[in-house]
Amino acid sequence: MTVLRLDPAEARRIAVRAQLLDAPRPADLLAVVRGLSLLQIDPIAAVAPSADLILWSRLGRAYRPAQLQQALERDRTLFEHNAMVRPMEDLALHLPAMAAWPAREAPREWLRANDRFRRDVLQRLGAAGPLLSREIPDTSAVPWRSTGWTDSRNVTQMLEFLMLRGEVAVAGRRGRQRLWDLAERVYPAGTPVLSPEEARRRRTARRLRSLGIVRAGAPGTPAEPLALGEVGVEAVVEGVPGTWRVDPEALGRPFAGRTVLLSPFDRLVHDRTRIKDLFGFEYTLEMYKPRAARRWGYFALPVLHGDRLIGKVDAAADRGSGTFTVSAVHEDVPFSPSTAEAVDEQLEDLAAWLGLRVSRGG
């Protein structure tokens, strides 16, 4: 089979278009999540919650966080599972993996030892759900042992496990706290039953379509723990070693770019090796580093301009003072006057969406 040859610009444009970051904006929230296949939920909100910031990057000021809550809690067009928001129509692709969970012995043994606890949780949710975890009694026989924050957090751990098994689901949120209910009251009846093989095939195809181009042989991620295998077509990118898998539907399409600020958790930049290979862009999320060791800032926002990643913005939202503080704009390459103006417009647009005013300087 002939190996496709791409120049670096076309490879970058495939990646940008797949992530809905080119000039034609998607129509609405559901179209975005369908295109991206997932939104990561993260509690860090130095600028805004990551899911909201990712949606703003695609939809602009027309997006309101209440729209995401409505889609999850009332319309049920989206569902939350394992810290990811996905289209409800993709539920069938994930149910076989839920049915097969867990693969590891430690959670299997803990669930066996706490079968009565499991039944207590399901009965409580059935009678009174949706509930916060603190509203569910801990009747565990054996505590969950961990070296991390989950040690002895038995109710939370049981709910997490039952979610991964598809027995319970996140029904909504009260503030940042999840509301739990029986899965049958959250997930729609009549969801198609797929074989594990068919579900895996469709999920890998969805992963490639949402990214456009992925390193051949690249392992899956915690969000998508499936390698691509032979999905898509094989390609090489001029000047970049190795081979890639490319979504064939992404080839030969016109490209018009725009300037946009990205969340550090945005899927365009989440794979740091891929953006180094394709965009020549170096990036590290530095919020876990000491202040003196940071090069770009606590929660620096990557800057996309057309088909290039050109810099980072060190910024934070201070809702107490009503300001969106821009401490620094780091230019990986010198900005032209028009590029600088486009970045400034995005800063003003983001501040307006947040209901804040831009303040320059740290």
Foldseek 3Di string as FASTA:
>chain_A
DDAAEAALLLVLQLQCVLQQFFDPADDDDLRNQLSQQKAAFDPDPQPHTQSQQSVCSRPFLVDDPVVVQCCDAPVLQWFDAPRMIGGLLLVLLQLVQLQVPDPDDVVVVQCVQFVVQLVQVQVCQVVDDQDFLVVRDRPGPDADDDPDPCGRVRSVVSQNSCRSNQQKGFNGDDVPTTGIHGNPVNRDPPRDHDDNVVSLLVLLLSNQSSRFKAAQPDADDPVRRHHNPCPAGWYDYPPFDHIMHGHPVSPPDDGHGAKGWHWCCRPSCVPVVVCCRSAVDHDDQPLVPPPVPDDAENGWTFMDGGSHGFWTWHWGQDVVVQEIETADTGGNDDDDPVRVVRVVVNVQSSSVSVRGYYDYHD
